[in-house]
Amino acid sequence: MKALGRIWAIATMTLLEARRRKVFTILLLFGVALLSSVLFFPSVQQEDSRLRLIEIWSLRASALFTAIVGLFLAGFSLPTDFEQKRIYMIVTKPVSKPFVFLGRYLGYVMLLAVFVASMGVITVVFLRTVKLFSGDKFQLVAYPRVQADLFEFPGGDAVSLMQTEVGGLVKFGPERALVWGYEGLRRSNFGDMARAQARLIFGAVENPYRASGTVDIRVRNPQGRSHQQKLPMNTNEERTFEFPADLIGPDGVIVIEFRCADSDGLIAATPHWLRLYEKSMPFELAFARGLVLILLQSMVVLSITLMASTFLSAPLSIILGIMLYIVGSIYGYIRDGTREIDQSLSELKPGEVRHRHPDDLPVGLLWFSNRLSKIVLKVVPDFAHFDYSLWLLKDHAVSWRELALAGGKALPPILVLVLLGTLRMRFKDFDR
């Protein structure tokens, strides 16, 4: 308990130092940045798109300002303590060096949480004010999504889709279908009609490049009731359809089957490509969950910066944190680039003489950069898991499952970096 008390004392001291440095004035800059979104209105014709711009702009500004606060405070904190010898005033007391790091880290996490919460309140008040003057043209809604508990493809084959997900592929036939099963649904969470959204990949036996088709959809429950309809779709197009919510019985179980309606066609999907939508939840609650995603992303940036500051100077620590932020933000582009390089390297045959182009890079350099990029991608989390604007853009609420998934992506690197920083402080010699 004494150890926790000492860590807490350093954390509260860190908050007081931040307040004395007038760090919270950054919230005024955030407010100005939020209001500046109005300047873009003349370039956007549709009013609904203008209001959507406010939402996205506010979220991106929140993530950016929070990351900046974490970068610069964590980058200068410990190096300043070392250079000005303030660290001696702490470690000469009954406080061990690792506790200094943990206390600083806890204090900055608390500071980031206050920043995120404050910017969230400012944003919600601003959006509610805009809605007040916009009337029904601007709706603040957030629809929770329900993922399937079961995915099967009787009569089909397992396939790899989008190079990252394993799904199922079925051809035309009454006994062949893509099947999603849902359990634990509550009838009260839906309106008169339940809304679902599906995405499929289409093809044909003789033409694998076919990009559209028609599917037969059947929604049934264990009691024998069902609902059927046909739906034309395009490959990778998200299509919405509805079915009577009364099909959801007391057991909360329904099954949704997709069958190919084209005699020469085939369809493919993954377990995550069909989702149900419940009734809209309170927007403020959904927005609060989204702010947790921003906090997790900022904690990752804070962790690498504060850990690096135990052995690097403040500028280098900040640069390292900025590099991590950039890599995490463009994670998808780097991942796609490594796949293209893998494909290019696989096409090279030993002993083959290639006519070089001035823009061609040496094979050795391509191989090294590809390997290095893959190592970086294994260490740095994909910040798309924390980008709440991807949910907000489509009025999606962040589910508890998605929040847990984002936490599972952020916590491992955070814990590793905090552990490394603690160990570094444990063996650090302040006289050198």
Protein backbone atom coordinates (compact mmCIF):
# COMPACT_ATOMS: atom_id res chain seq x y z
CA MET A 1 0.00 0.00 0.00
CA LYS A 2 2.90 2.37 0.70
CA ALA A 3 4.20 1.76 -2.83
CA LEU A 4 0.84 2.67 -4.35
CA GLY A 5 0.68 5.76 -2.19
CA ARG A 6 4.10 6.92 -3.41
CA ILE A 7 3.18 6.31 -7.04
CA TRP A 8 -0.07 8.21 -6.52
CA ALA A 9 1.80 11.11 -4.90
CA ILE A 10 4.09 11.44 -7.92
CA ALA A 11 1.08 11.19 -10.26
CA THR A 12 -0.76 14.02 -8.50
CA MET A 13 2.44 16.08 -8.50
CA THR A 14 2.63 15.55 -12.26
CA LEU A 15 -0.92 16.88 -12.65
CA LEU A 16 -0.13 19.94 -10.56
CA GLU A 17 2.97 20.66 -12.64
CA ALA A 18 0.91 20.44 -15.84
CA ARG A 19 -1.64 22.87 -14.42
CA ARG A 20 1.08 25.35 -13.40
CA ARG A 21 2.45 25.20 -16.94
CA LYS A 22 -1.03 26.23 -18.19
CA VAL A 23 -1.29 23.10 -20.32
CA PHE A 24 -5.07 23.28 -20.19
CA THR A 25 -5.03 26.40 -22.36
CA ILE A 26 -4.71 23.94 -25.24
CA LEU A 27 -8.44 23.34 -24.76
CA LEU A 28 -8.98 26.90 -26.00
CA LEU A 29 -7.03 26.07 -29.16
CA PHE A 30 -9.21 22.97 -29.56
CA GLY A 31 -12.32 25.13 -29.31
CA VAL A 32 -10.96 27.45 -31.99
CA ALA A 33 -10.13 24.45 -34.21
CA LEU A 34 -13.66 23.13 -33.70
CA LEU A 35 -15.25 26.41 -34.68
CA SER A 36 -12.95 26.67 -37.70
CA SER A 37 -14.77 23.71 -39.26
CA VAL A 38 -17.52 26.18 -40.15
CA LEU A 39 -15.12 27.77 -42.65
CA PHE A 40 -15.35 24.66 -44.82
CA PHE A 41 -19.13 24.88 -45.14
CA PRO A 42 -19.20 26.90 -48.40
CA SER A 43 -17.29 24.13 -50.21
CA VAL A 44 -19.83 21.46 -49.17
CA GLN A 45 -23.15 21.59 -50.97
CA GLN A 46 -25.34 19.22 -48.94
CA GLU A 47 -26.25 20.33 -45.44
CA ASP A 48 -26.13 16.78 -44.08
CA SER A 49 -22.56 16.48 -45.32
CA ARG A 50 -21.69 19.78 -43.65
CA LEU A 51 -22.91 18.55 -40.30
CA ARG A 52 -21.10 15.27 -40.76
CA LEU A 53 -17.95 17.29 -41.39
CA ILE A 54 -18.29 18.84 -37.93
CA GLU A 55 -18.41 15.41 -36.30
CA ILE A 56 -15.36 14.08 -38.12
CA TRP A 57 -13.39 17.28 -37.70
CA SER A 58 -14.03 17.35 -33.95
CA LEU A 59 -12.90 13.74 -33.50
CA ARG A 60 -9.76 14.12 -35.57
CA ALA A 61 -8.92 17.32 -33.70
CA SER A 62 -9.46 15.54 -30.35
CA ALA A 63 -7.12 12.71 -31.32
CA LEU A 64 -4.48 15.09 -32.66
CA PHE A 65 -4.47 17.49 -29.71
CA THR A 66 -4.41 14.63 -27.19
CA ALA A 67 -1.46 13.01 -28.97
CA ILE A 68 0.41 16.35 -29.02
CA VAL A 69 -0.11 16.81 -25.28
CA GLY A 70 1.14 13.29 -24.56
CA LEU A 71 4.14 13.66 -26.88
CA PHE A 72 5.55 16.90 -25.56
CA LEU A 73 4.80 16.48 -21.85
CA ALA A 74 6.18 12.94 -21.74
CA GLY A 75 9.13 13.84 -23.96
CA PHE A 76 10.35 16.70 -21.76
CA SER A 77 9.35 15.34 -18.34
CA LEU A 78 12.11 12.91 -17.32
CA PRO A 79 14.95 14.50 -19.38
CA THR A 80 14.20 17.82 -17.66
CA ASP A 81 14.26 16.10 -14.27
CA PHE A 82 17.65 14.58 -15.13
CA GLU A 83 19.20 17.78 -16.48
CA GLN A 84 17.99 20.06 -13.66
CA LYS A 85 18.84 17.44 -11.00
CA ARG A 86 15.27 17.51 -9.69
CA ILE A 87 15.32 13.72 -9.75
CA TYR A 88 17.63 13.77 -6.70
CA MET A 89 14.94 15.52 -4.64
CA ILE A 90 12.65 12.57 -5.28
CA VAL A 91 14.91 9.54 -5.09
CA THR A 92 16.58 10.75 -1.88
CA LYS A 93 13.19 10.37 -0.25
CA PRO A 94 11.83 6.83 0.35
CA VAL A 95 10.81 6.57 -3.32
CA SER A 96 12.54 4.10 -5.63
CA LYS A 97 13.48 5.06 -9.18
CA PRO A 98 10.95 2.73 -10.86
CA PHE A 99 8.19 4.41 -8.84
CA VAL A 100 9.20 7.73 -10.38
CA PHE A 101 8.55 6.36 -13.86
CA LEU A 102 5.28 4.69 -12.89
CA GLY A 103 4.08 7.80 -11.09
CA ARG A 104 4.90 10.01 -14.05
CA TYR A 105 3.15 7.63 -16.40
CA LEU A 106 0.03 7.39 -14.23
CA GLY A 107 -0.07 11.16 -13.91
CA TYR A 108 0.09 11.69 -17.65
CA VAL A 109 -2.58 9.03 -18.28
CA MET A 110 -4.84 10.89 -15.85
CA LEU A 111 -4.01 14.14 -17.63
CA LEU A 112 -4.86 12.65 -21.03
CA ALA A 113 -8.13 11.30 -19.62
CA VAL A 114 -9.05 14.79 -18.40
CA PHE A 115 -8.17 16.23 -21.82
CA VAL A 116 -10.20 13.63 -23.70
CA ALA A 117 -13.19 14.05 -21.40
CA SER A 118 -13.03 17.87 -21.62
CA MET A 119 -12.81 17.85 -25.40
CA GLY A 120 -15.63 15.32 -25.51
CA VAL A 121 -17.88 17.61 -23.46
CA ILE A 122 -16.99 20.60 -25.65
CA THR A 123 -17.70 18.57 -28.80
CA VAL A 124 -21.04 17.21 -27.60
CA VAL A 125 -22.20 20.67 -26.50
CA PHE A 126 -21.17 22.05 -29.88
CA LEU A 127 -22.95 19.28 -31.79
CA ARG A 128 -26.10 19.64 -29.70
CA THR A 129 -26.06 23.38 -30.37
CA VAL A 130 -25.73 22.77 -34.10
CA LYS A 131 -28.60 20.28 -33.95
CA LEU A 132 -30.76 22.80 -32.09
CA PHE A 133 -30.48 25.24 -34.97
CA SER A 134 -30.62 22.56 -37.68
CA GLY A 135 -33.80 20.83 -36.54
CA ASP A 136 -34.55 17.45 -38.04
CA LYS A 137 -31.91 17.88 -40.74
CA PHE A 138 -29.23 16.77 -38.31
CA GLN A 139 -29.74 13.60 -36.29
CA LEU A 140 -27.35 12.52 -33.56
CA VAL A 141 -27.85 8.76 -33.60
CA ALA A 142 -25.70 5.73 -32.90
CA TYR A 143 -26.84 2.23 -33.80
CA PRO A 144 -25.26 -0.69 -31.92
CA ARG A 145 -24.20 -3.56 -34.19
CA VAL A 146 -24.51 -7.24 -33.32
CA GLN A 147 -22.03 -9.71 -34.77
CA ALA A 148 -22.96 -13.30 -35.52
CA ASP A 149 -22.16 -16.01 -32.98
CA LEU A 150 -22.02 -18.71 -35.67
CA PHE A 151 -20.85 -18.82 -39.28
CA GLU A 152 -21.13 -21.88 -41.50
CA PHE A 153 -21.09 -22.62 -45.23
CA PRO A 154 -22.64 -26.07 -45.83
CA GLY A 155 -21.72 -27.45 -49.24
CA GLY A 156 -19.00 -24.83 -49.67
CA ASP A 157 -15.26 -24.35 -49.16
CA ALA A 158 -13.11 -22.25 -46.86
CA VAL A 159 -11.34 -19.42 -48.67
CA SER A 160 -9.06 -16.50 -47.81
CA LEU A 161 -10.73 -13.18 -48.59
CA MET A 162 -9.08 -9.76 -48.75
CA GLN A 163 -5.78 -11.50 -47.89
CA THR A 164 -6.56 -11.12 -44.19
CA GLU A 165 -9.82 -12.91 -43.37
CA VAL A 166 -10.88 -16.53 -43.73
CA GLY A 167 -14.43 -17.02 -44.98
CA GLY A 168 -16.63 -19.38 -46.90
CA LEU A 169 -17.50 -19.80 -50.59
CA VAL A 170 -20.60 -21.56 -51.95
CA LYS A 171 -21.93 -22.17 -55.44
CA PHE A 172 -25.50 -22.26 -56.66
CA GLY A 173 -27.62 -24.99 -55.10
CA PRO A 174 -30.50 -25.41 -52.63
CA GLU A 175 -28.30 -27.20 -50.09
CA ARG A 176 -25.50 -24.68 -50.33
CA ALA A 177 -25.62 -21.47 -48.30
CA LEU A 178 -23.73 -18.97 -46.22
CA VAL A 179 -25.25 -19.20 -42.76
CA TRP A 180 -24.99 -16.73 -39.87
CA GLY A 181 -26.47 -17.60 -36.49
CA TYR A 182 -27.35 -15.14 -33.71
CA GLU A 183 -28.00 -15.95 -30.08
CA GLY A 184 -29.10 -13.93 -27.07
CA LEU A 185 -30.97 -11.28 -29.05
CA ARG A 186 -33.61 -9.19 -27.28
CA ARG A 187 -36.79 -8.31 -29.11
CA SER A 188 -37.02 -5.01 -27.20
CA ASN A 189 -33.70 -3.85 -28.74
CA PHE A 190 -35.29 -3.68 -32.22
CA GLY A 191 -38.18 -1.77 -33.75
CA ASP A 192 -40.94 -3.30 -35.83
CA MET A 193 -38.41 -4.20 -38.50
CA ALA A 194 -34.89 -5.40 -37.74
CA ARG A 195 -32.19 -3.93 -39.99
CA ALA A 196 -29.20 -5.92 -41.24
CA GLN A 197 -26.26 -5.04 -43.47
CA ALA A 198 -24.42 -7.54 -45.66
CA ARG A 199 -21.34 -7.57 -47.87
CA LEU A 200 -20.51 -10.34 -50.34
CA ILE A 201 -18.06 -11.22 -53.08
CA PHE A 202 -19.58 -12.51 -56.31
CA GLY A 203 -18.14 -14.69 -59.01
CA ALA A 204 -19.11 -17.33 -61.54
CA VAL A 205 -17.88 -20.80 -62.43
CA GLU A 206 -16.85 -19.70 -65.91
CA ASN A 207 -16.20 -16.06 -65.03
CA PRO A 208 -14.42 -15.49 -61.68
CA TYR A 209 -14.35 -11.74 -62.35
CA ARG A 210 -18.11 -11.31 -62.17
CA ALA A 211 -18.81 -8.40 -59.82
CA SER A 212 -22.54 -8.60 -59.19
CA GLY A 213 -25.38 -11.02 -58.70
CA THR A 214 -28.58 -11.81 -56.81
CA VAL A 215 -29.00 -13.70 -53.56
CA ASP A 216 -31.93 -15.40 -51.88
CA ILE A 217 -32.12 -14.40 -48.22
CA ARG A 218 -33.99 -16.46 -45.67
CA VAL A 219 -34.33 -15.46 -42.03
CA ARG A 220 -35.72 -18.19 -39.76
CA ASN A 221 -36.05 -19.03 -36.09
CA PRO A 222 -36.19 -22.36 -34.20
CA GLN A 223 -39.98 -22.13 -34.01
CA GLY A 224 -40.25 -22.62 -37.79
CA ARG A 225 -41.22 -19.08 -38.78
CA SER A 226 -39.26 -17.51 -41.61
CA HIS A 227 -38.97 -14.52 -43.92
CA GLN A 228 -37.61 -14.65 -47.49
CA GLN A 229 -36.55 -12.05 -50.03
CA LYS A 230 -34.26 -11.53 -53.03
CA LEU A 231 -31.54 -8.90 -53.04
CA PRO A 232 -29.37 -7.75 -55.97
CA MET A 233 -25.86 -6.80 -54.87
CA ASN A 234 -22.44 -5.82 -56.17
CA THR A 235 -19.14 -7.22 -54.97
CA ASN A 236 -17.99 -5.57 -51.72
CA GLU A 237 -21.07 -3.36 -51.69
CA GLU A 238 -22.68 -2.93 -48.27
CA ARG A 239 -26.40 -3.55 -48.77
CA THR A 240 -29.06 -3.10 -46.12
CA PHE A 241 -32.20 -5.21 -45.83
CA GLU A 242 -34.93 -5.61 -43.23
CA PHE A 243 -37.00 -8.42 -41.79
CA PRO A 244 -39.81 -8.57 -39.19
CA ALA A 245 -38.33 -8.27 -35.72
CA ASP A 246 -41.09 -10.57 -34.42
CA LEU A 247 -38.99 -13.45 -35.72
CA ILE A 248 -36.83 -12.90 -32.62
CA GLY A 249 -38.50 -15.12 -30.04
CA PRO A 250 -37.97 -15.52 -26.28
CA ASP A 251 -34.89 -17.67 -26.93
CA GLY A 252 -33.27 -14.82 -28.88
CA VAL A 253 -32.10 -17.12 -31.68
CA ILE A 254 -32.36 -16.45 -35.42
CA VAL A 255 -30.52 -17.83 -38.45
CA ILE A 256 -29.86 -15.86 -41.65
CA GLU A 257 -29.06 -17.81 -44.82
CA PHE A 258 -27.72 -16.43 -48.11
CA ARG A 259 -28.03 -18.58 -51.24
CA CYS A 260 -26.77 -17.76 -54.71
CA ALA A 261 -29.72 -17.08 -57.01
CA ASP A 262 -27.66 -17.22 -60.23
CA SER A 263 -27.40 -20.75 -61.66
CA ASP A 264 -23.76 -20.27 -62.71
CA GLY A 265 -22.74 -18.03 -59.84
CA LEU A 266 -20.97 -18.28 -56.51
CA ILE A 267 -20.86 -16.09 -53.41
CA ALA A 268 -18.32 -15.68 -50.61
CA ALA A 269 -18.19 -13.85 -47.28
CA THR A 270 -16.55 -13.82 -43.86
CA PRO A 271 -18.20 -14.08 -40.42
CA HIS A 272 -17.99 -10.29 -39.94
CA TRP A 273 -19.66 -9.32 -43.21
CA LEU A 274 -23.21 -9.59 -41.88
CA ARG A 275 -24.34 -7.52 -38.91
CA LEU A 276 -27.61 -6.66 -37.26
CA TYR A 277 -28.46 -3.15 -36.07
CA GLU A 278 -30.34 -2.46 -32.87
CA LYS A 279 -32.29 0.69 -32.08
CA SER A 280 -30.28 3.86 -31.61
CA MET A 281 -28.67 4.27 -28.20
CA PRO A 282 -28.08 7.64 -26.44
CA PHE A 283 -25.56 9.54 -28.55
CA GLU A 284 -23.60 10.80 -25.54
CA LEU A 285 -23.05 7.24 -24.28
CA ALA A 286 -21.89 6.06 -27.69
CA PHE A 287 -19.62 9.11 -27.99
CA ALA A 288 -18.09 8.35 -24.59
CA ARG A 289 -17.14 4.87 -25.81
CA GLY A 290 -15.53 6.43 -28.85
CA LEU A 291 -13.49 8.75 -26.63
CA VAL A 292 -12.09 5.67 -24.87
CA LEU A 293 -10.65 4.64 -28.24
CA ILE A 294 -8.91 8.01 -28.53
CA LEU A 295 -7.53 7.62 -25.01
CA LEU A 296 -6.14 4.16 -25.83
CA GLN A 297 -4.39 5.51 -28.92
CA SER A 298 -2.90 8.39 -26.94
CA MET A 299 -1.69 5.99 -24.23
CA VAL A 300 0.27 4.03 -26.84
CA VAL A 301 1.98 7.23 -28.04
CA LEU A 302 2.58 8.31 -24.44
CA SER A 303 4.13 4.94 -23.55
CA ILE A 304 6.75 4.94 -26.31
CA THR A 305 7.65 8.60 -25.71
CA LEU A 306 8.04 8.31 -21.93
CA MET A 307 9.95 5.03 -22.19
CA ALA A 308 12.33 6.52 -24.77
CA SER A 309 12.88 9.58 -22.57
CA THR A 310 14.61 7.37 -19.97
CA PHE A 311 17.66 7.04 -22.24
CA LEU A 312 17.17 9.58 -25.05
CA SER A 313 17.02 13.35 -25.10
CA ALA A 314 13.67 15.10 -25.21
CA PRO A 315 13.77 15.94 -28.96
CA LEU A 316 14.68 12.37 -29.92
CA SER A 317 11.97 10.93 -27.66
CA ILE A 318 9.37 13.20 -29.25
CA ILE A 319 10.55 12.30 -32.75
CA LEU A 320 10.25 8.60 -31.91
CA GLY A 321 6.71 9.16 -30.63
CA ILE A 322 5.79 11.10 -33.78
CA MET A 323 7.17 8.29 -35.95
CA LEU A 324 5.05 5.75 -34.08
CA TYR A 325 1.98 7.97 -34.50
CA ILE A 326 2.59 8.28 -38.24
CA VAL A 327 3.23 4.55 -38.74
CA GLY A 328 0.11 3.65 -36.75
CA SER A 329 -1.98 6.13 -38.76
CA ILE A 330 -0.84 4.76 -42.15
CA TYR A 331 -0.64 1.14 -40.97
CA GLY A 332 -2.94 -0.11 -43.74
CA TYR A 333 -0.88 1.51 -46.51
CA ILE A 334 2.34 0.00 -45.19
CA ARG A 335 0.71 -3.44 -44.87
CA ASP A 336 -0.57 -3.29 -48.45
CA GLY A 337 2.87 -2.16 -49.61
CA THR A 338 4.57 -5.18 -48.02
CA ARG A 339 2.12 -7.50 -49.79
CA GLU A 340 2.87 -5.92 -53.15
CA ILE A 341 6.61 -6.27 -52.51
CA ASP A 342 6.09 -9.92 -51.51
CA GLN A 343 4.29 -10.50 -54.79
CA SER A 344 7.03 -8.76 -56.77
CA LEU A 345 9.76 -10.78 -55.06
CA SER A 346 7.86 -14.03 -55.62
CA GLU A 347 7.73 -13.31 -59.36
CA LEU A 348 11.51 -13.08 -59.57
CA LYS A 349 13.06 -16.34 -60.75
CA PRO A 350 16.59 -17.35 -59.79
CA GLY A 351 19.06 -16.68 -62.59
CA GLU A 352 16.56 -14.65 -64.58
CA VAL A 353 18.02 -11.63 -66.34
CA ARG A 354 15.78 -8.61 -65.93
CA HIS A 355 15.97 -5.38 -67.90
CA ARG A 356 16.39 -2.74 -65.28
CA HIS A 357 14.30 0.39 -65.26
CA PRO A 358 15.63 3.63 -63.78
CA ASP A 359 12.88 3.50 -61.14
CA ASP A 360 13.62 -0.11 -60.12
CA LEU A 361 15.15 -0.66 -56.69
CA PRO A 362 17.77 -3.35 -55.99
CA VAL A 363 16.26 -6.66 -54.94
CA GLY A 364 18.33 -6.67 -51.75
CA LEU A 365 17.04 -3.26 -50.76
CA LEU A 366 13.44 -4.33 -51.45
CA TRP A 367 13.90 -7.47 -49.35
CA PHE A 368 15.46 -5.55 -46.44
CA SER A 369 12.86 -2.78 -46.42
CA ASN A 370 10.07 -5.36 -46.64
CA ARG A 371 11.43 -7.33 -43.68
CA LEU A 372 11.96 -4.18 -41.65
CA SER A 373 8.41 -2.98 -42.41
CA LYS A 374 6.95 -6.31 -41.27
CA ILE A 375 8.86 -6.13 -38.00
CA VAL A 376 7.58 -2.59 -37.40
CA LEU A 377 4.00 -3.67 -38.17
CA LYS A 378 4.25 -6.44 -35.57
CA VAL A 379 5.32 -3.92 -32.92
CA VAL A 380 3.10 -0.95 -33.77
CA PRO A 381 -0.68 -1.37 -33.46
CA ASP A 382 -2.99 -0.34 -36.28
CA PHE A 383 -4.52 2.98 -35.24
CA ALA A 384 -7.59 2.21 -37.37
CA HIS A 385 -8.78 0.19 -34.35
CA PHE A 386 -8.94 3.48 -32.40
CA ASP A 387 -10.35 5.75 -35.13
CA TYR A 388 -13.86 6.46 -33.85
CA SER A 389 -14.63 8.54 -36.95
CA LEU A 390 -14.88 5.26 -38.91
CA TRP A 391 -17.85 4.35 -36.70
CA LEU A 392 -19.30 7.85 -36.45
CA LEU A 393 -19.27 8.37 -40.21
CA LYS A 394 -21.89 5.62 -40.59
CA ASP A 395 -23.77 6.29 -37.33
CA HIS A 396 -22.37 3.10 -35.80
CA ALA A 397 -22.00 2.73 -32.06
CA VAL A 398 -18.88 1.14 -30.64
CA SER A 399 -19.94 -2.14 -29.09
CA TRP A 400 -18.40 -3.56 -25.93
CA ARG A 401 -16.87 -6.32 -28.05
CA GLU A 402 -15.22 -3.80 -30.38
CA LEU A 403 -14.03 -1.79 -27.40
CA ALA A 404 -12.50 -4.93 -25.90
CA LEU A 405 -10.85 -5.71 -29.24
CA ALA A 406 -9.29 -2.24 -29.35
CA GLY A 407 -8.12 -2.67 -25.77
CA GLY A 408 -6.56 -6.00 -26.70
CA LYS A 409 -4.61 -4.25 -29.46
CA ALA A 410 -3.42 -1.37 -27.26
CA LEU A 411 -2.70 -2.93 -23.87
CA PRO A 412 0.07 -5.40 -24.88
CA PRO A 413 2.40 -2.74 -26.36
CA ILE A 414 1.52 -0.37 -23.50
CA LEU A 415 2.43 -2.96 -20.85
CA VAL A 416 5.65 -3.91 -22.63
CA LEU A 417 6.74 -0.28 -22.98
CA VAL A 418 5.89 0.54 -19.37
CA LEU A 419 7.84 -2.52 -18.22
CA LEU A 420 10.87 -1.52 -20.32
CA GLY A 421 10.73 2.02 -18.97
CA THR A 422 10.47 0.76 -15.39
CA LEU A 423 13.46 -1.56 -15.84
CA ARG A 424 15.47 1.20 -17.48
CA MET A 425 14.81 3.52 -14.53
CA ARG A 426 15.67 0.74 -12.11
CA PHE A 427 19.22 0.45 -13.45
CA LYS A 428 19.73 4.05 -14.57
CA ASP A 429 22.72 5.89 -13.15
CA PHE A 430 21.80 9.56 -12.75
CA ASP A 431 25.43 10.63 -12.36
CA ARG A 432 26.30 9.67 -15.92
